[in-house]
Amino acid sequence: MPTLRRTHPADLPPVQRRELWAWAGYDFANSGYTTVVITAVFNAYFVRVVADGADWATFAWTLALSLSYLLVAVTAPALGAWADLRARKKFLLAITTAVCVAGTAALAACGPGSVALAIALVVVTNAAFGTGENVIAAFLPELASEDGMGRLSGYGWGFGYVGGLLILGVCLWWIMAGAAAFGVDASAVVPQTMLITAAAFLLAALPTLLVLRERARPQPARSGLWRTSFARLRQALLESEGLIDLRRFLLCIVCYQAGVMTVITIAAIFTEQALGFSTTESIVLIMVVNVTAAVGALVFGLVQDRLGHRPTLAITLVAWLAAIGLFWFAEDRRLVWVAANVAGLALGASQSAGRALVGYLCPARREAEVFGLWGLAVKLSSVIGPLAFGAVSWASGGDYRIAMLATSLFFVAGLAILATVDVPRGRAAARVADAAIG
């Protein structure tokens, strides 16, 4: 049975089993934020209550998310290189966690008319979430062996979907019970779910911040820290020699993640506007999809280390295309539920497989830098995908089904680029780059 934990030289502490749990537990901790704030609850609350259902409300929401993703895309590679050079990944993780938790709690103060405050807090919290997501991913190559990255990444994504499901369930209970207890509309108690989400994030992240160890060692920056950081970023992005397969896969991620992030961002809007679901029905559907996403991440995480990184990811992208096809043909809610759960399986599997393959192609001692590039790719896709969906929807007169069908082109492009990625060659290049740094 291949080992899951990475073996380090004698001068570095060995990886403890509790660190694997602590690392995977951070996905459990931060998923409540993205599920409740971005996907299922606060987005609809912003459009319906904060912006009073204005015509520009949905555009304002997607613009806020795009700004936050663009902020992460611009800063992530340099921050990653800085964290590598200074060996400060854990410090950066603590800072981003604190900012996201505090900002999420502050969202509870947003009510009717608080558009500027809500947008500012969403930009800040989502940027902090995205940066923390990159940093925790950068620990993966330090913790998992080469043949165990798929499993550990799958465990993390699986726990993340469970965490998102639990927090969303608690928030749904509060929305229903609180509204009944106080005799008010459900939207009146939505702000309290921001406090619930923030508290859950903080408590669940504490084991990660306390247990996870920083094994990187500070590296000399002969020409200045930030100058060295940007020089290494330029080398990773522009030089054709060396990590060509890693760069091709990062481009592949930009394509297929544009489709994934579109589905995540507009999930509640699509189910309500195109499929006629109520808010409660949409939340229940998203909760069920979180279960299937967790199953997809865990199962495909196990399969990936046996079947191979590229074939596993290709299967998940085909599953995405199947889910979109089912949405297109869906005329009753039974087929909608089938399509949503196929999408859930593909969601968990593709997220896990992509992160693991980046780790597999990553040279040692450049983890934060490379996962900063991963964050750049993901965040660029997060800008491109939702804006493209909105543009197609607007051009088609508000036809969300056509916009969803157009989203399938991102997955087709991802498959085409994935076919050009030579994983064994990419892993060999990572070893050469590691030797050069050494």
Protein backbone atom coordinates (compact mmCIF):
# COMPACT_ATOMS: atom_id res chain seq x y z
CA MET A 1 0.00 0.00 0.00
CA PRO A 2 1.61 3.33 -1.02
CA THR A 3 2.37 5.62 1.91
CA LEU A 4 0.35 8.77 2.33
CA ARG A 5 2.85 10.81 4.35
CA ARG A 6 5.91 12.32 2.74
CA THR A 7 9.33 11.29 4.04
CA HIS A 8 11.61 14.24 4.82
CA PRO A 9 15.38 14.41 5.46
CA ALA A 10 16.57 13.87 9.03
CA ASP A 11 17.01 17.60 9.66
CA LEU A 12 13.26 18.20 9.18
CA PRO A 13 10.53 16.95 11.52
CA PRO A 14 8.59 13.92 10.23
CA VAL A 15 5.01 14.39 9.10
CA GLN A 16 2.61 13.39 11.86
CA ARG A 17 -0.77 11.86 11.15
CA ARG A 18 -2.48 14.64 13.08
CA GLU A 19 -1.02 17.15 10.62
CA LEU A 20 -2.79 15.41 7.76
CA TRP A 21 -6.08 15.73 9.64
CA ALA A 22 -5.30 19.34 10.51
CA TRP A 23 -4.52 20.17 6.88
CA ALA A 24 -7.69 18.53 5.58
CA GLY A 25 -9.62 20.19 8.42
CA TYR A 26 -8.92 23.64 7.01
CA ASP A 27 -11.02 22.78 3.96
CA PHE A 28 -13.76 21.85 6.44
CA ALA A 29 -13.31 25.22 8.17
CA ASN A 30 -13.33 27.59 5.21
CA SER A 31 -16.06 25.90 3.17
CA GLY A 32 -18.79 27.39 5.32
CA TYR A 33 -17.80 30.83 4.06
CA THR A 34 -17.98 30.07 0.36
CA THR A 35 -21.13 27.95 0.72
CA VAL A 36 -23.14 30.38 2.84
CA VAL A 37 -21.81 33.75 1.68
CA ILE A 38 -20.97 33.18 -1.99
CA THR A 39 -23.20 30.33 -3.15
CA ALA A 40 -26.42 29.92 -1.18
CA VAL A 41 -27.48 32.63 1.30
CA PHE A 42 -25.85 36.05 1.28
CA ASN A 43 -25.78 36.38 -2.51
CA ALA A 44 -29.57 36.11 -2.71
CA TYR A 45 -29.93 38.33 0.40
CA PHE A 46 -27.74 40.99 -1.23
CA VAL A 47 -29.84 41.08 -4.41
CA ARG A 48 -33.23 40.86 -2.72
CA VAL A 49 -32.74 42.92 0.47
CA VAL A 50 -29.53 44.97 0.49
CA ALA A 51 -30.00 46.21 -3.10
CA ASP A 52 -33.81 46.00 -2.91
CA GLY A 53 -34.06 43.90 -6.06
CA ALA A 54 -32.65 46.62 -8.31
CA ASP A 55 -31.91 45.80 -11.93
CA TRP A 56 -28.20 46.34 -11.33
CA ALA A 57 -28.07 44.19 -8.18
CA THR A 58 -26.88 40.96 -9.81
CA PHE A 59 -24.27 42.84 -11.81
CA ALA A 60 -23.03 44.57 -8.64
CA TRP A 61 -22.69 41.20 -6.92
CA THR A 62 -20.74 39.61 -9.75
CA LEU A 63 -18.60 42.74 -10.05
CA ALA A 64 -17.69 42.54 -6.35
CA LEU A 65 -16.69 38.91 -6.75
CA SER A 66 -14.71 39.71 -9.91
CA LEU A 67 -12.81 42.47 -8.10
CA SER A 68 -11.93 40.12 -5.26
CA TYR A 69 -10.78 37.38 -7.62
CA LEU A 70 -8.75 39.89 -9.62
CA LEU A 71 -7.12 41.13 -6.41
CA VAL A 72 -6.07 37.59 -5.54
CA ALA A 73 -4.91 36.93 -9.10
CA VAL A 74 -2.63 39.99 -9.00
CA THR A 75 -1.17 39.40 -5.54
CA ALA A 76 -1.10 35.60 -5.15
CA PRO A 77 2.06 34.75 -7.13
CA ALA A 78 4.19 37.39 -5.42
CA LEU A 79 2.76 36.57 -1.98
CA GLY A 80 3.45 32.89 -2.65
CA ALA A 81 7.04 33.58 -3.66
CA TRP A 82 7.47 35.78 -0.56
CA ALA A 83 6.08 33.01 1.67
CA ASP A 84 8.54 30.54 0.13
CA LEU A 85 11.55 32.83 0.50
CA ARG A 86 10.72 33.79 4.07
CA ALA A 87 9.17 30.43 5.08
CA ARG A 88 6.04 32.25 6.29
CA LYS A 89 3.20 30.20 4.82
CA LYS A 90 1.66 29.52 8.21
CA PHE A 91 1.87 33.19 9.19
CA LEU A 92 0.15 34.23 5.97
CA LEU A 93 -2.53 31.57 6.52
CA ALA A 94 -3.27 32.96 10.00
CA ILE A 95 -3.58 36.53 8.70
CA THR A 96 -5.94 35.64 5.86
CA THR A 97 -8.06 33.51 8.18
CA ALA A 98 -8.41 36.35 10.69
CA VAL A 99 -9.38 38.85 7.97
CA CYS A 100 -11.98 36.53 6.44
CA VAL A 101 -13.51 35.65 9.82
CA ALA A 102 -13.72 39.29 10.96
CA GLY A 103 -15.14 40.47 7.63
CA THR A 104 -17.75 37.70 7.56
CA ALA A 105 -18.92 38.66 11.04
CA ALA A 106 -19.15 42.30 9.89
CA LEU A 107 -21.53 41.26 7.07
CA ALA A 108 -24.14 40.84 9.80
CA ALA A 109 -24.36 44.63 9.92
CA CYS A 110 -25.50 44.82 6.28
CA GLY A 111 -29.17 45.56 5.74
CA PRO A 112 -31.37 47.43 3.26
CA GLY A 113 -29.35 50.11 1.49
CA SER A 114 -25.94 48.98 2.80
CA VAL A 115 -24.72 48.33 -0.73
CA ALA A 116 -21.29 49.97 -0.45
CA LEU A 117 -20.52 48.29 2.88
CA ALA A 118 -21.65 44.90 1.64
CA ILE A 119 -19.60 45.14 -1.56
CA ALA A 120 -16.49 46.27 0.32
CA LEU A 121 -16.77 43.42 2.83
CA VAL A 122 -17.40 40.82 0.12
CA VAL A 123 -14.33 42.00 -1.81
CA VAL A 124 -12.13 41.88 1.30
CA THR A 125 -13.41 38.59 2.70
CA ASN A 126 -13.42 36.75 -0.61
CA ALA A 127 -9.90 37.98 -1.38
CA ALA A 128 -8.72 36.77 2.02
CA PHE A 129 -10.50 33.45 1.48
CA GLY A 130 -8.86 33.01 -1.93
CA THR A 131 -5.38 33.82 -0.63
CA GLY A 132 -5.80 31.43 2.29
CA GLU A 133 -6.99 28.75 -0.12
CA ASN A 134 -3.75 29.12 -2.07
CA VAL A 135 -1.59 29.02 1.05
CA ILE A 136 -3.17 25.91 2.58
CA ALA A 137 -2.80 24.16 -0.79
CA ALA A 138 0.92 24.99 -0.76
CA PHE A 139 1.36 22.71 2.28
CA LEU A 140 0.17 19.70 0.27
CA PRO A 141 3.54 18.74 -1.29
CA GLU A 142 5.21 19.04 2.13
CA LEU A 143 2.76 16.63 3.75
CA ALA A 144 1.85 14.01 1.14
CA SER A 145 4.05 11.58 -0.75
CA GLU A 146 4.09 11.63 -4.55
CA ASP A 147 1.63 8.74 -4.74
CA GLY A 148 -0.55 10.10 -1.93
CA MET A 149 -1.33 13.64 -3.09
CA GLY A 150 -4.54 12.62 -4.80
CA ARG A 151 -5.85 10.92 -1.69
CA LEU A 152 -4.95 13.73 0.71
CA SER A 153 -6.32 16.38 -1.65
CA GLY A 154 -9.50 14.30 -1.96
CA TYR A 155 -9.82 14.02 1.81
CA GLY A 156 -9.51 17.78 2.09
CA TRP A 157 -12.13 18.55 -0.55
CA GLY A 158 -14.41 15.87 0.87
CA PHE A 159 -14.18 17.30 4.39
CA GLY A 160 -14.71 20.73 2.90
CA TYR A 161 -18.03 19.79 1.35
CA VAL A 162 -19.09 18.17 4.61
CA GLY A 163 -18.20 21.37 6.45
CA GLY A 164 -20.10 23.49 3.97
CA LEU A 165 -23.09 21.18 4.28
CA LEU A 166 -23.12 21.31 8.08
CA ILE A 167 -22.81 25.10 8.29
CA LEU A 168 -25.42 25.61 5.59
CA GLY A 169 -27.72 23.22 7.45
CA VAL A 170 -27.31 25.18 10.70
CA CYS A 171 -27.96 28.44 8.85
CA LEU A 172 -31.07 27.01 7.17
CA TRP A 173 -32.34 25.85 10.57
CA TRP A 174 -31.75 29.32 12.01
CA ILE A 175 -33.47 31.05 9.09
CA MET A 176 -36.56 28.87 9.48
CA ALA A 177 -36.65 28.63 13.29
CA GLY A 178 -35.61 32.23 13.92
CA ALA A 179 -38.19 33.63 11.55
CA ALA A 180 -40.91 31.55 13.18
CA ALA A 181 -39.81 32.40 16.71
CA PHE A 182 -39.66 36.15 16.14
CA GLY A 183 -42.59 36.30 13.73
CA VAL A 184 -40.58 37.99 11.00
CA ASP A 185 -39.73 37.33 7.37
CA ALA A 186 -36.87 34.87 6.82
CA SER A 187 -34.67 37.59 5.33
CA ALA A 188 -34.72 39.44 8.67
CA VAL A 189 -32.66 36.73 10.36
CA VAL A 190 -30.20 36.13 7.52
CA PRO A 191 -27.62 38.57 9.01
CA GLN A 192 -27.24 36.33 12.06
CA THR A 193 -26.11 33.48 9.78
CA MET A 194 -23.01 35.55 9.01
CA LEU A 195 -22.08 35.40 12.71
CA ILE A 196 -22.69 31.65 12.73
CA THR A 197 -20.48 31.20 9.67
CA ALA A 198 -17.68 33.36 11.07
CA ALA A 199 -17.67 31.56 14.42
CA ALA A 200 -17.63 28.15 12.76
CA PHE A 201 -14.73 29.16 10.50
CA LEU A 202 -12.66 30.40 13.43
CA LEU A 203 -13.26 27.37 15.66
CA ALA A 204 -12.69 24.82 12.92
CA ALA A 205 -9.50 26.53 11.70
CA LEU A 206 -7.81 26.55 15.12
CA PRO A 207 -6.52 22.94 14.90
CA THR A 208 -4.88 23.73 11.56
CA LEU A 209 -3.19 26.86 12.87
CA LEU A 210 -2.03 25.11 16.03
CA VAL A 211 -0.92 21.72 14.66
CA LEU A 212 0.40 22.33 11.13
CA ARG A 213 4.18 22.85 11.02
CA GLU A 214 6.25 25.04 8.73
CA ARG A 215 9.01 22.86 7.25
CA ALA A 216 10.31 25.34 4.72
CA ARG A 217 13.54 27.17 5.50
CA PRO A 218 14.16 30.83 4.67
CA GLN A 219 16.01 31.24 1.38
CA PRO A 220 18.46 34.01 0.51
CA ALA A 221 17.14 36.80 -1.70
CA ARG A 222 20.34 38.27 -3.11
CA SER A 223 18.75 41.04 -5.16
CA GLY A 224 16.02 42.01 -2.73
CA LEU A 225 13.04 40.02 -1.52
CA TRP A 226 10.30 41.38 -3.76
CA ARG A 227 12.59 41.68 -6.77
CA THR A 228 13.51 38.02 -6.36
CA SER A 229 9.83 37.12 -5.95
CA PHE A 230 8.82 38.81 -9.19
CA ALA A 231 11.87 37.46 -11.03
CA ARG A 232 10.85 33.91 -10.08
CA LEU A 233 7.26 34.63 -11.10
CA ARG A 234 8.43 35.94 -14.48
CA GLN A 235 10.59 32.86 -14.95
CA ALA A 236 7.73 30.50 -14.13
CA LEU A 237 5.32 32.29 -16.48
CA LEU A 238 7.48 33.17 -19.46
CA GLU A 239 10.39 30.75 -19.90
CA SER A 240 9.61 27.91 -22.29
CA GLU A 241 12.35 25.70 -20.89
CA GLY A 242 11.61 23.60 -17.82
CA LEU A 243 8.10 23.55 -16.38
CA ILE A 244 6.22 23.54 -19.67
CA ASP A 245 3.69 20.90 -18.61
CA LEU A 246 2.94 22.73 -15.37
CA ARG A 247 2.28 25.92 -17.33
CA ARG A 248 0.09 24.06 -19.82
CA PHE A 249 -1.91 22.58 -16.97
CA LEU A 250 -2.32 26.01 -15.37
CA LEU A 251 -3.82 27.20 -18.68
CA CYS A 252 -6.06 24.11 -18.64
CA ILE A 253 -7.19 25.12 -15.14
CA VAL A 254 -8.09 28.62 -16.34
CA CYS A 255 -10.40 27.05 -18.92
CA TYR A 256 -12.24 24.35 -16.99
CA GLN A 257 -12.31 26.29 -13.71
CA ALA A 258 -14.10 29.12 -15.55
CA GLY A 259 -16.96 26.66 -15.99
CA VAL A 260 -16.73 25.38 -12.42
CA MET A 261 -16.69 28.85 -10.87
CA THR A 262 -19.61 29.92 -13.05
CA VAL A 263 -21.74 27.10 -11.67
CA ILE A 264 -20.68 27.86 -8.08
CA THR A 265 -21.31 31.59 -8.41
CA ILE A 266 -24.72 31.49 -10.08
CA ALA A 267 -26.10 28.28 -8.50
CA ALA A 268 -28.81 29.91 -6.39
CA ILE A 269 -29.65 32.45 -9.10
CA PHE A 270 -29.94 29.76 -11.78
CA THR A 271 -32.19 27.47 -9.74
CA GLU A 272 -34.52 30.31 -8.79
CA GLN A 273 -34.59 32.26 -12.05
CA ALA A 274 -34.37 29.47 -14.64
CA LEU A 275 -35.86 26.50 -12.80
CA GLY A 276 -38.45 28.21 -10.57
CA PHE A 277 -37.10 26.94 -7.23
CA SER A 278 -37.92 28.78 -4.03
CA THR A 279 -35.11 29.99 -1.75
CA THR A 280 -35.63 27.07 0.63
CA GLU A 281 -35.69 24.56 -2.24
CA SER A 282 -32.48 26.03 -3.64
CA ILE A 283 -30.72 25.74 -0.28
CA VAL A 284 -31.86 22.13 0.13
CA LEU A 285 -30.66 21.30 -3.39
CA ILE A 286 -27.27 22.90 -2.70
CA MET A 287 -27.01 20.93 0.57
CA VAL A 288 -27.60 17.66 -1.27
CA VAL A 289 -25.09 18.63 -3.95
CA ASN A 290 -22.52 19.22 -1.19
CA VAL A 291 -22.99 15.58 -0.17
CA THR A 292 -22.41 14.29 -3.69
CA ALA A 293 -19.45 16.68 -4.09
CA ALA A 294 -17.88 15.25 -0.93
CA VAL A 295 -18.39 11.73 -2.27
CA GLY A 296 -16.85 12.75 -5.60
CA ALA A 297 -13.80 14.29 -3.94
CA LEU A 298 -13.19 11.29 -1.66
CA VAL A 299 -13.80 8.58 -4.26
CA PHE A 300 -11.87 10.21 -7.06
CA GLY A 301 -9.09 11.13 -4.64
CA LEU A 302 -8.58 7.40 -4.07
CA VAL A 303 -8.96 6.58 -7.75
CA GLN A 304 -6.58 9.29 -8.92
CA ASP A 305 -3.44 7.78 -7.38
CA ARG A 306 -4.22 4.46 -9.12
CA LEU A 307 -5.74 5.53 -12.43
CA GLY A 308 -3.47 8.52 -12.97
CA HIS A 309 -3.88 12.26 -12.65
CA ARG A 310 -4.71 13.13 -16.26
CA PRO A 311 -7.24 10.33 -16.95
CA THR A 312 -9.04 11.05 -13.67
CA LEU A 313 -9.39 14.74 -14.43
CA ALA A 314 -10.54 14.00 -17.99
CA ILE A 315 -13.33 11.80 -16.63
CA THR A 316 -14.52 14.60 -14.35
CA LEU A 317 -14.60 17.14 -17.20
CA VAL A 318 -16.68 14.76 -19.30
CA ALA A 319 -19.03 14.43 -16.31
CA TRP A 320 -19.38 18.23 -16.24
CA LEU A 321 -20.42 18.19 -19.89
CA ALA A 322 -22.97 15.48 -19.13
CA ALA A 323 -24.42 17.52 -16.26
CA ILE A 324 -24.79 20.63 -18.42
CA GLY A 325 -26.50 18.54 -21.10
CA LEU A 326 -28.97 17.25 -18.53
CA PHE A 327 -29.70 20.81 -17.35
CA TRP A 328 -30.35 21.82 -20.96
CA PHE A 329 -32.90 19.05 -21.51
CA ALA A 330 -34.46 19.17 -18.03
CA GLU A 331 -38.20 19.78 -18.18
CA ASP A 332 -39.15 18.46 -14.73
CA ARG A 333 -37.50 18.66 -11.34
CA ARG A 334 -36.50 15.00 -11.22
CA LEU A 335 -34.07 15.49 -14.08
CA VAL A 336 -32.87 18.73 -12.47
CA TRP A 337 -31.98 16.77 -9.33
CA VAL A 338 -30.13 14.16 -11.40
CA ALA A 339 -28.20 16.86 -13.26
CA ALA A 340 -27.35 18.70 -10.03
CA ASN A 341 -25.95 15.58 -8.40
CA VAL A 342 -23.88 14.67 -11.48
CA ALA A 343 -22.52 18.21 -11.29
CA GLY A 344 -21.85 17.68 -7.58
CA LEU A 345 -19.79 14.55 -8.22
CA ALA A 346 -17.87 16.34 -10.96
CA LEU A 347 -17.38 19.40 -8.75
CA GLY A 348 -15.71 17.54 -5.91
CA ALA A 349 -13.67 15.33 -8.22
CA SER A 350 -12.38 18.08 -10.52
CA GLN A 351 -11.41 20.39 -7.65
CA SER A 352 -9.50 17.62 -5.88
CA ALA A 353 -7.85 16.24 -9.02
CA GLY A 354 -6.67 19.64 -10.21
CA ARG A 355 -5.05 20.61 -6.91
CA ALA A 356 -3.32 17.24 -6.60
CA LEU A 357 -1.89 17.41 -10.12
CA VAL A 358 -0.47 20.88 -9.46
CA GLY A 359 1.20 19.46 -6.37
CA TYR A 360 2.58 16.54 -8.38
CA LEU A 361 4.12 18.90 -10.98
CA CYS A 362 5.47 21.32 -8.34
CA PRO A 363 9.23 21.49 -7.60
CA ALA A 364 10.16 21.24 -3.92
CA ARG A 365 10.83 24.53 -2.10
CA ARG A 366 8.66 26.43 -4.58
CA GLU A 367 5.30 25.23 -3.23
CA ALA A 368 3.83 28.58 -2.24
CA GLU A 369 5.03 30.17 -5.47
CA VAL A 370 3.54 27.45 -7.68
CA PHE A 371 0.29 27.36 -5.74
CA GLY A 372 0.23 31.13 -6.06
CA LEU A 373 0.22 30.54 -9.81
CA TRP A 374 -2.54 27.97 -9.26
CA GLY A 375 -4.46 30.67 -7.40
CA LEU A 376 -3.79 33.07 -10.26
CA ALA A 377 -5.26 30.56 -12.71
CA VAL A 378 -8.31 29.83 -10.54
CA LYS A 379 -9.03 33.47 -9.83
CA LEU A 380 -8.66 34.50 -13.47
CA SER A 381 -11.17 31.78 -14.32
CA SER A 382 -13.43 33.17 -11.61
CA VAL A 383 -13.44 36.52 -13.38
CA ILE A 384 -13.84 35.12 -16.91
CA GLY A 385 -16.53 32.48 -16.29
CA PRO A 386 -19.25 34.41 -14.41
CA LEU A 387 -18.81 37.50 -16.59
CA ALA A 388 -19.14 35.36 -19.72
CA PHE A 389 -22.29 33.77 -18.29
CA GLY A 390 -23.74 37.19 -17.56
CA ALA A 391 -22.88 38.48 -21.03
CA VAL A 392 -24.50 35.50 -22.77
CA SER A 393 -27.54 35.74 -20.52
CA TRP A 394 -27.93 39.44 -21.30
CA ALA A 395 -27.40 38.91 -25.04
CA SER A 396 -29.97 36.11 -25.09
CA GLY A 397 -32.62 38.17 -23.32
CA GLY A 398 -32.19 36.53 -19.94
CA ASP A 399 -32.14 32.92 -21.17
CA TYR A 400 -30.18 31.19 -18.41
CA ARG A 401 -30.33 27.83 -20.17
CA ILE A 402 -28.46 29.16 -23.20
CA ALA A 403 -25.93 30.81 -20.91
CA MET A 404 -25.41 27.50 -19.10
CA LEU A 405 -24.99 25.69 -22.41
CA ALA A 406 -22.35 28.21 -23.44
CA THR A 407 -20.50 27.42 -20.22
CA SER A 408 -19.82 23.92 -21.58
CA LEU A 409 -17.28 25.45 -24.00
CA PHE A 410 -14.95 26.07 -21.06
CA PHE A 411 -14.89 22.36 -20.26
CA VAL A 412 -14.32 21.44 -23.91
CA ALA A 413 -11.32 23.82 -24.02
CA GLY A 414 -10.01 22.34 -20.76
CA LEU A 415 -10.15 18.82 -22.21
CA ALA A 416 -8.31 19.92 -25.34
CA ILE A 417 -5.46 21.51 -23.38
CA LEU A 418 -5.30 18.62 -20.89
CA ALA A 419 -4.56 16.28 -23.81
CA THR A 420 -1.27 18.18 -24.38
CA VAL A 421 -0.05 17.79 -20.77
CA ASP A 422 2.62 15.07 -20.38
CA VAL A 423 2.45 14.24 -16.66
CA PRO A 424 5.60 12.02 -16.42
CA ARG A 425 7.63 14.61 -18.32
CA GLY A 426 6.25 17.35 -16.07
CA ARG A 427 7.20 15.43 -12.92
CA ALA A 428 10.71 14.86 -14.25
CA ALA A 429 11.04 18.59 -14.97
CA ALA A 430 9.96 19.36 -11.40
CA ARG A 431 12.75 17.13 -10.08
CA VAL A 432 15.29 18.91 -12.32
CA ALA A 433 14.08 22.30 -11.08
CA ASP A 434 14.34 21.07 -7.49
CA ALA A 435 17.92 19.94 -8.07
CA ALA A 436 18.77 23.31 -9.61
CA ILE A 437 17.46 25.16 -6.54
CA GLY A 438 19.31 22.77 -4.27
